[in-house]
PDB file of N, CA and C in Angstrom:
ATOM      1  N   MET A   1     -24.792 -90.527  38.999  1.00  0.00           N
ATOM      2  CA  MET A   1     -24.169 -91.444  38.057  1.00  0.00           C
ATOM      3  C   MET A   1     -24.904 -92.788  38.136  1.00  0.00           C
ATOM      4  N   PRO A   2     -25.334 -93.299  36.998  1.00  0.00           N
ATOM      5  CA  PRO A   2     -26.107 -94.554  37.010  1.00  0.00           C
ATOM      6  C   PRO A   2     -25.232 -95.767  37.354  1.00  0.00           C
ATOM      7  N   GLN A   3     -25.874 -96.706  37.978  1.00  0.00           N
ATOM      8  CA  GLN A   3     -25.176 -97.932  38.355  1.00  0.00           C
ATOM      9  C   GLN A   3     -25.291 -98.951  37.227  1.00  0.00           C
ATOM     10  N   MET A   4     -24.272 -99.807  37.151  1.00  0.00           N
ATOM     11  CA  MET A   4     -24.314-100.881  36.154  1.00  0.00           C
ATOM     12  C   MET A   4     -24.817-102.157  36.818  1.00  0.00           C
ATOM     13  N   SER A   5     -25.625-102.881  36.104  1.00  0.00           N
ATOM     14  CA  SER A   5     -26.121-104.153  36.632  1.00  0.00           C
ATOM     15  C   SER A   5     -25.003-105.205  36.558  1.00  0.00           C
ATOM     16  N   PRO A   6     -25.107-106.262  37.340  1.00  0.00           N
ATOM     17  CA  PRO A   6     -24.048-107.284  37.334  1.00  0.00           C
ATOM     18  C   PRO A   6     -23.831-107.938  35.974  1.00  0.00           C
ATOM     19  N   ILE A   7     -24.905-108.092  35.215  1.00  0.00           N
ATOM     20  CA  ILE A   7     -24.736-108.714  33.894  1.00  0.00           C
ATOM     21  C   ILE A   7     -23.941-107.805  32.962  1.00  0.00           C
ATOM     22  N   MET A   8     -24.058-106.499  33.147  1.00  0.00           N
ATOM     23  CA  MET A   8     -23.275-105.579  32.328  1.00  0.00           C
ATOM     24  C   MET A   8     -21.801-105.614  32.725  1.00  0.00           C
ATOM     25  N   TRP A   9     -21.526-105.771  34.019  1.00  0.00           N
ATOM     26  CA  TRP A   9     -20.137-105.915  34.441  1.00  0.00           C
ATOM     27  C   TRP A   9     -19.540-107.201  33.879  1.00  0.00           C
ATOM     28  N   LEU A  10     -20.342-108.243  33.847  1.00  0.00           N
ATOM     29  CA  LEU A  10     -19.879-109.510  33.290  1.00  0.00           C
ATOM     30  C   LEU A  10     -19.597-109.368  31.800  1.00  0.00           C
ATOM     31  N   ASN A  11     -20.478-108.683  31.091  1.00  0.00           N
ATOM     32  CA  ASN A  11     -20.247-108.450  29.664  1.00  0.00           C
ATOM     33  C   ASN A  11     -18.989-107.616  29.435  1.00  0.00           C
ATOM     34  N   LEU A  12     -18.791-106.633  30.259  1.00  0.00           N
ATOM     35  CA  LEU A  12     -17.602-105.801  30.140  1.00  0.00           C
ATOM     36  C   LEU A  12     -16.338-106.609  30.431  1.00  0.00           C
ATOM     37  N   PHE A  13     -16.405-107.468  31.424  1.00  0.00           N
ATOM     38  CA  PHE A  13     -15.272-108.338  31.744  1.00  0.00           C
ATOM     39  C   PHE A  13     -14.950-109.263  30.572  1.00  0.00           C
ATOM     40  N   PHE A  14     -15.975-109.870  29.980  1.00  0.00           N
ATOM     41  CA  PHE A  14     -15.747-110.747  28.828  1.00  0.00           C
ATOM     42  C   PHE A  14     -15.199-109.980  27.633  1.00  0.00           C
ATOM     43  N   LEU A  15     -15.667-108.794  27.445  1.00  0.00           N
ATOM     44  CA  LEU A  15     -15.168-107.982  26.338  1.00  0.00           C
ATOM     45  C   LEU A  15     -13.672-107.700  26.501  1.00  0.00           C
ATOM     46  N   PHE A  16     -13.265-107.260  27.677  1.00  0.00           N
ATOM     47  CA  PHE A  16     -11.850-106.980  27.901  1.00  0.00           C
ATOM     48  C   PHE A  16     -11.010-108.257  27.902  1.00  0.00           C
ATOM     49  N   SER A  17     -11.557-109.336  28.407  1.00  0.00           N
ATOM     50  CA  SER A  17     -10.819-110.600  28.408  1.00  0.00           C
ATOM     51  C   SER A  17     -10.584-111.099  26.993  1.00  0.00           C
ATOM     52  N   MET A  18     -11.612-111.052  26.172  1.00  0.00           N
ATOM     53  CA  MET A  18     -11.461-111.497  24.787  1.00  0.00           C
ATOM     54  C   MET A  18     -10.525-110.577  24.013  1.00  0.00           C
ATOM     55  N   THR A  19     -10.581-109.295  24.298  1.00  0.00           N
ATOM     56  CA  THR A  19      -9.661-108.363  23.646  1.00  0.00           C
ATOM     57  C   THR A  19      -8.221-108.676  24.026  1.00  0.00           C
ATOM     58  N   LEU A  20      -7.983-108.946  25.285  1.00  0.00           N
ATOM     59  CA  LEU A  20      -6.643-109.289  25.741  1.00  0.00           C
ATOM     60  C   LEU A  20      -6.154-110.592  25.106  1.00  0.00           C
ATOM     61  N   ILE A  21      -7.002-111.594  25.064  1.00  0.00           N
ATOM     62  CA  ILE A  21      -6.621-112.883  24.484  1.00  0.00           C
ATOM     63  C   ILE A  21      -6.327-112.741  22.998  1.00  0.00           C
ATOM     64  N   LEU A  22      -7.177-112.045  22.278  1.00  0.00           N
ATOM     65  CA  LEU A  22      -6.957-111.871  20.844  1.00  0.00           C
ATOM     66  C   LEU A  22      -5.710-111.043  20.560  1.00  0.00           C
ATOM     67  N   PHE A  23      -5.485-110.024  21.350  1.00  0.00           N
ATOM     68  CA  PHE A  23      -4.287-109.214  21.170  1.00  0.00           C
ATOM     69  C   PHE A  23      -3.029-110.044  21.411  1.00  0.00           C
ATOM     70  N   ASN A  24      -3.028-110.860  22.466  1.00  0.00           N
ATOM     71  CA  ASN A  24      -1.857-111.691  22.761  1.00  0.00           C
ATOM     72  C   ASN A  24      -1.624-112.745  21.688  1.00  0.00           C
ATOM     73  N   GLN A  25      -2.687-113.330  21.181  1.00  0.00           N
ATOM     74  CA  GLN A  25      -2.524-114.299  20.106  1.00  0.00           C
ATOM     75  C   GLN A  25      -2.000-113.638  18.847  1.00  0.00           C
ATOM     76  N   ASN A  26      -2.487-112.463  18.574  1.00  0.00           N
ATOM     77  CA  ASN A  26      -2.025-111.744  17.394  1.00  0.00           C
ATOM     78  C   ASN A  26      -0.547-111.394  17.517  1.00  0.00           C
ATOM     79  N   MET A  27      -0.122-110.949  18.677  1.00  0.00           N
ATOM     80  CA  MET A  27       1.283-110.610  18.867  1.00  0.00           C
ATOM     81  C   MET A  27       2.165-111.860  18.852  1.00  0.00           C
ATOM     82  N   TYR A  28       1.661-112.963  19.354  1.00  0.00           N
ATOM     83  CA  TYR A  28       2.446-114.194  19.392  1.00  0.00           C
ATOM     84  C   TYR A  28       2.689-114.734  17.986  1.00  0.00           C
ATOM     85  N   PHE A  29       1.665-114.743  17.155  1.00  0.00           N
ATOM     86  CA  PHE A  29       1.786-115.333  15.833  1.00  0.00           C
ATOM     87  C   PHE A  29       2.282-114.358  14.775  1.00  0.00           C
ATOM     88  N   SER A  30       2.475-113.105  15.117  1.00  0.00           N
ATOM     89  CA  SER A  30       2.914-112.146  14.109  1.00  0.00           C
ATOM     90  C   SER A  30       4.430-112.135  13.933  1.00  0.00           C
ATOM     91  N   PHE A  31       5.176-112.628  14.942  1.00  0.00           N
ATOM     92  CA  PHE A  31       6.626-112.635  14.842  1.00  0.00           C
ATOM     93  C   PHE A  31       7.116-114.025  14.482  1.00  0.00           C
ATOM     94  N   LYS A  32       8.037-114.058  13.523  1.00  0.00           N
ATOM     95  CA  LYS A  32       8.607-115.330  13.109  1.00  0.00           C
ATOM     96  C   LYS A  32       9.885-115.564  13.899  1.00  0.00           C
ATOM     97  N   SER A  33       9.963-116.684  14.542  1.00  0.00           N
ATOM     98  CA  SER A  33      11.137-116.971  15.354  1.00  0.00           C
ATOM     99  C   SER A  33      12.246-117.547  14.475  1.00  0.00           C
ATOM    100  N   ASN A  34      13.477-117.271  14.867  1.00  0.00           N
ATOM    101  CA  ASN A  34      14.628-117.819  14.150  1.00  0.00           C
ATOM    102  C   ASN A  34      14.913-119.209  14.685  1.00  0.00           C
ATOM    103  N   LYS A  35      14.957-120.162  13.757  1.00  0.00           N
ATOM    104  CA  LYS A  35      15.243-121.528  14.168  1.00  0.00           C
ATOM    105  C   LYS A  35      16.750-121.725  14.242  1.00  0.00           C
ATOM    106  N   ILE A  36      17.180-122.398  15.265  1.00  0.00           N
ATOM    107  CA  ILE A  36      18.601-122.656  15.460  1.00  0.00           C
ATOM    108  C   ILE A  36      18.954-123.949  14.729  1.00  0.00           C
ATOM    109  N   ASN A  37      19.958-123.856  13.878  1.00  0.00           N
ATOM    110  CA  ASN A  37      20.411-125.037  13.165  1.00  0.00           C
ATOM    111  C   ASN A  37      21.359-125.814  14.074  1.00  0.00           C
ATOM    112  N   LEU A  38      20.952-126.996  14.464  1.00  0.00           N
ATOM    113  CA  LEU A  38      21.732-127.772  15.413  1.00  0.00           C
ATOM    114  C   LEU A  38      22.940-128.437  14.764  1.00  0.00           C
ATOM    115  N   ASN A  39      22.957-128.539  13.439  1.00  0.00           N
ATOM    116  CA  ASN A  39      24.086-129.174  12.769  1.00  0.00           C
ATOM    117  C   ASN A  39      25.328-128.292  12.798  1.00  0.00           C
ATOM    118  N   LYS A  40      25.171-126.991  12.867  1.00  0.00           N
ATOM    119  CA  LYS A  40      26.311-126.082  12.855  1.00  0.00           C
ATOM    120  C   LYS A  40      26.989-125.974  14.213  1.00  0.00           C
ATOM    121  N   ILE A  41      26.292-126.311  15.249  1.00  0.00           N
ATOM    122  CA  ILE A  41      26.844-126.184  16.592  1.00  0.00           C
ATOM    123  C   ILE A  41      27.644-127.445  16.917  1.00  0.00           C
ATOM    124  N   ASN A  42      28.897-127.253  17.283  1.00  0.00           N
ATOM    125  CA  ASN A  42      29.739-128.391  17.660  1.00  0.00           C
ATOM    126  C   ASN A  42      29.674-128.570  19.169  1.00  0.00           C
ATOM    127  N   TYR A  43      29.198-129.714  19.542  1.00  0.00           N
ATOM    128  CA  TYR A  43      29.132-130.029  20.958  1.00  0.00           C
ATOM    129  C   TYR A  43      30.381-130.823  21.316  1.00  0.00           C
ATOM    130  N   LYS A  44      31.174-130.271  22.194  1.00  0.00           N
ATOM    131  CA  LYS A  44      32.382-130.960  22.626  1.00  0.00           C
ATOM    132  C   LYS A  44      32.146-131.503  24.028  1.00  0.00           C
ATOM    133  N   THR A  45      32.119-132.808  24.092  1.00  0.00           N
ATOM    134  CA  THR A  45      31.956-133.435  25.397  1.00  0.00           C
ATOM    135  C   THR A  45      33.308-134.003  25.810  1.00  0.00           C
ATOM    136  N   PRO A  46      33.761-133.666  26.958  1.00  0.00           N
ATOM    137  CA  PRO A  46      35.067-134.186  27.391  1.00  0.00           C
ATOM    138  C   PRO A  46      34.981-135.686  27.675  1.00  0.00           C
ATOM    139  N   LYS A  47      36.041-136.374  27.277  1.00  0.00           N
ATOM    140  CA  LYS A  47      36.079-137.807  27.559  1.00  0.00           C
ATOM    141  C   LYS A  47      36.432-138.012  29.020  1.00  0.00           C
ATOM    142  N   THR A  48      35.685-138.846  29.638  1.00  0.00           N
ATOM    143  CA  THR A  48      35.952-139.137  31.047  1.00  0.00           C
ATOM    144  C   THR A  48      36.116-140.632  31.214  1.00  0.00           C
ATOM    145  N   ASN A  49      37.102-141.004  31.963  1.00  0.00           N
ATOM    146  CA  ASN A  49      37.298-142.410  32.305  1.00  0.00           C
ATOM    147  C   ASN A  49      36.666-142.651  33.661  1.00  0.00           C
ATOM    148  N   TRP A  50      35.635-143.436  33.637  1.00  0.00           N
ATOM    149  CA  TRP A  50      34.963-143.735  34.896  1.00  0.00           C
ATOM    150  C   TRP A  50      35.651-144.912  35.562  1.00  0.00           C
ATOM    151  N   LYS A  51      36.154-144.688  36.718  1.00  0.00           N
ATOM    152  CA  LYS A  51      36.832-145.749  37.472  1.00  0.00           C
ATOM    153  C   LYS A  51      35.935-146.134  38.642  1.00  0.00           C
ATOM    154  N   TRP A  52      35.287-147.236  38.472  1.00  0.00           N
ATOM    155  CA  TRP A  52      34.336-147.654  39.502  1.00  0.00           C
ATOM    156  C   TRP A  52      35.016-148.563  40.476  1.00  0.00           C
TER     157      TRP A  52
END
């Protein structure tokens, strides 16, 4: 079985790295996230009397 030179291993590493990066970017930007409307959410903060 023939051996691969170090430059070929480096090329193979870059090929797989770029494939992984492009795949992750594609998956990240392909889904649209649902934005939460903050006006509909009622935040109830309890009133506290601070006695210092």
